[in-house]
Amino acid sequence: MTDIGPRDVTRPLWQWKWVITAASVLLCALILGGWQAGWWFATQNVQRQSNVIRLNYATQESYLSQVSGYIATIDGIAVQEAQAAGGQLAGLRAQALGIGNQACALVPQISIPLGADAGWVRANCASGAVKVTSPLRRNQ
């Protein structure tokens, strides 16, 4: 039997030293890269969420502005109705009802407070359309 010395044990390991070194460097690079990628993905997710929130709020403000514009138009038509003759009156009321339906169709999409328009919406809108009991439906 021959004696096995330390060199006999380490010689096969030294033959693989470049492979072991390369694998260690690659493993470290993967760990560090994964850690950096985690930070990058977290940053991208935060930016995406803030954009969604910002765009959603801007959309809500736009819808609210449109509803306010429709209500102002209906108020203008009401002034015209007071001065209108018989044939024009029916056309103005139909126009007011159509604009009211457009306003009421936007209301379910708005999740921010309606502010000054809330009373008009409560009086005239139900389920995305003009209520049957709304003053906009008179003589219809």
Protein backbone atom coordinates (compact mmCIF):
# COMPACT_ATOMS: atom_id res chain seq x y z
CA MET A 1 0.00 0.00 0.00
CA THR A 2 1.19 3.47 -0.81
CA ASP A 3 1.00 6.45 1.40
CA ILE A 4 -1.32 9.23 0.27
CA GLY A 5 0.04 12.66 1.05
CA PRO A 6 -1.53 16.08 0.98
CA ARG A 7 -0.25 16.72 -2.54
CA ASP A 8 -1.99 13.61 -3.77
CA VAL A 9 -5.28 14.94 -2.43
CA THR A 10 -4.95 18.57 -3.62
CA ARG A 11 -3.52 17.83 -7.08
CA PRO A 12 -6.96 17.00 -8.64
CA LEU A 13 -8.41 20.15 -7.08
CA TRP A 14 -5.66 22.33 -8.53
CA GLN A 15 -6.40 20.91 -11.94
CA TRP A 16 -9.93 22.30 -11.63
CA LYS A 17 -8.95 25.63 -10.04
CA TRP A 18 -9.89 27.71 -13.14
CA VAL A 19 -13.25 26.01 -13.41
CA ILE A 20 -13.93 26.53 -9.69
CA THR A 21 -12.79 30.18 -9.91
CA ALA A 22 -14.91 30.85 -12.99
CA ALA A 23 -17.94 29.19 -11.40
CA SER A 24 -17.46 31.24 -8.21
CA VAL A 25 -17.19 34.50 -10.18
CA LEU A 26 -20.24 33.58 -12.24
CA LEU A 27 -22.22 32.74 -9.11
CA CYS A 28 -21.24 36.05 -7.50
CA ALA A 29 -22.19 37.91 -10.68
CA LEU A 30 -25.59 36.18 -10.78
CA ILE A 31 -26.27 36.99 -7.14
CA LEU A 32 -25.21 40.63 -7.53
CA GLY A 33 -27.11 40.95 -10.82
CA GLY A 34 -30.23 39.47 -9.31
CA TRP A 35 -30.00 41.86 -6.37
CA GLN A 36 -29.64 44.83 -8.74
CA ALA A 37 -32.49 43.53 -10.91
CA GLY A 38 -34.69 43.33 -7.81
CA TRP A 39 -34.01 47.00 -7.10
CA TRP A 40 -34.68 47.90 -10.73
CA PHE A 41 -37.98 45.99 -10.80
CA ALA A 42 -39.06 47.57 -7.52
CA THR A 43 -38.32 51.05 -8.90
CA GLN A 44 -40.18 50.32 -12.13
CA ASN A 45 -43.18 49.05 -10.17
CA VAL A 46 -43.30 52.19 -8.01
CA GLN A 47 -43.10 54.40 -11.11
CA ARG A 48 -45.85 52.40 -12.83
CA GLN A 49 -48.10 52.64 -9.79
CA SER A 50 -47.57 56.39 -9.48
CA ASN A 51 -48.36 56.83 -13.19
CA VAL A 52 -51.55 54.81 -12.81
CA ILE A 53 -52.60 56.91 -9.82
CA ARG A 54 -51.72 60.18 -11.57
CA LEU A 55 -53.45 59.25 -14.82
CA ASN A 56 -56.48 57.90 -13.00
CA TYR A 57 -56.87 61.14 -11.05
CA ALA A 58 -56.44 63.20 -14.23
CA THR A 59 -59.10 61.09 -15.95
CA GLN A 60 -61.45 61.54 -13.01
CA GLU A 61 -60.91 65.32 -13.10
CA SER A 62 -61.60 65.31 -16.85
CA TYR A 63 -64.85 63.38 -16.39
CA LEU A 64 -65.91 65.74 -13.62
CA SER A 65 -65.12 68.73 -15.83
CA GLN A 66 -67.18 67.23 -18.66
CA VAL A 67 -70.14 66.65 -16.34
CA SER A 68 -69.89 70.25 -15.12
CA GLY A 69 -69.83 71.45 -18.73
CA TYR A 70 -72.91 69.36 -19.58
CA ILE A 71 -74.75 70.79 -16.56
CA ALA A 72 -73.83 74.33 -17.60
CA THR A 73 -75.12 73.60 -21.10
CA ILE A 74 -78.39 72.26 -19.68
CA ASP A 75 -78.72 75.40 -17.53
CA GLY A 76 -78.22 77.48 -20.68
CA ILE A 77 -80.92 75.49 -22.46
CA ALA A 78 -83.27 76.11 -19.51
CA VAL A 79 -82.82 79.84 -20.02
CA GLN A 80 -83.60 79.41 -23.73
CA GLU A 81 -86.70 77.37 -22.87
CA ALA A 82 -88.13 80.31 -20.94
CA GLN A 83 -87.93 82.42 -24.11
CA ALA A 84 -88.85 79.74 -26.66
CA ALA A 85 -92.04 79.34 -28.64
CA GLY A 86 -94.01 76.07 -28.91
CA GLY A 87 -92.08 74.28 -31.66
CA GLN A 88 -88.69 75.24 -30.32
CA LEU A 89 -89.59 74.21 -26.79
CA ALA A 90 -89.87 70.51 -27.64
CA GLY A 91 -86.52 70.59 -29.46
CA LEU A 92 -84.79 72.33 -26.56
CA ARG A 93 -86.19 69.84 -24.05
CA ALA A 94 -85.04 66.91 -26.20
CA GLN A 95 -81.60 68.50 -26.45
CA ALA A 96 -81.45 68.98 -22.67
CA LEU A 97 -82.49 65.35 -22.13
CA GLY A 98 -79.79 64.12 -24.53
CA ILE A 99 -77.09 66.16 -22.83
CA GLY A 100 -78.41 65.00 -19.46
CA ASN A 101 -78.01 61.39 -20.57
CA GLN A 102 -74.40 62.11 -21.59
CA ALA A 103 -73.71 63.66 -18.18
CA CYS A 104 -75.39 60.80 -16.32
CA ALA A 105 -73.46 58.23 -18.37
CA LEU A 106 -70.16 59.68 -17.10
CA VAL A 107 -71.18 59.81 -13.43
CA PRO A 108 -70.64 56.07 -12.65
CA GLN A 109 -67.05 56.38 -13.90
CA ILE A 110 -66.25 59.18 -11.43
CA SER A 111 -64.91 58.08 -8.06
CA ILE A 112 -63.78 61.47 -6.73
CA PRO A 113 -66.20 63.83 -4.92
CA LEU A 114 -68.60 65.59 -7.29
CA GLY A 115 -68.52 68.86 -5.37
CA ALA A 116 -71.10 71.43 -6.48
CA ASP A 117 -72.55 69.08 -9.09
CA ALA A 118 -73.55 66.42 -6.56
CA GLY A 119 -77.03 67.87 -6.01
CA TRP A 120 -77.80 67.96 -9.73
CA VAL A 121 -76.56 64.39 -10.11
CA ARG A 122 -78.70 63.16 -7.19
CA ALA A 123 -81.77 64.88 -8.62
CA ASN A 124 -81.35 63.76 -12.23
CA CYS A 125 -79.21 60.62 -12.54
CA ALA A 126 -79.72 56.96 -11.69
CA SER A 127 -77.73 54.00 -12.98
CA GLY A 128 -75.94 55.97 -15.67
CA ALA A 129 -79.06 57.54 -17.23
CA VAL A 130 -81.52 60.31 -16.55
CA LYS A 131 -84.08 59.32 -13.89
CA VAL A 132 -87.67 58.88 -14.89
CA THR A 133 -88.61 61.46 -12.23
CA SER A 134 -86.04 64.02 -13.45
CA PRO A 135 -87.24 67.46 -14.49
CA LEU A 136 -85.35 66.86 -17.74
CA ARG A 137 -88.03 64.33 -18.73
CA ARG A 138 -90.98 66.69 -18.56
CA ASN A 139 -93.29 66.50 -21.58
CA GLN A 140 -91.32 63.56 -23.02
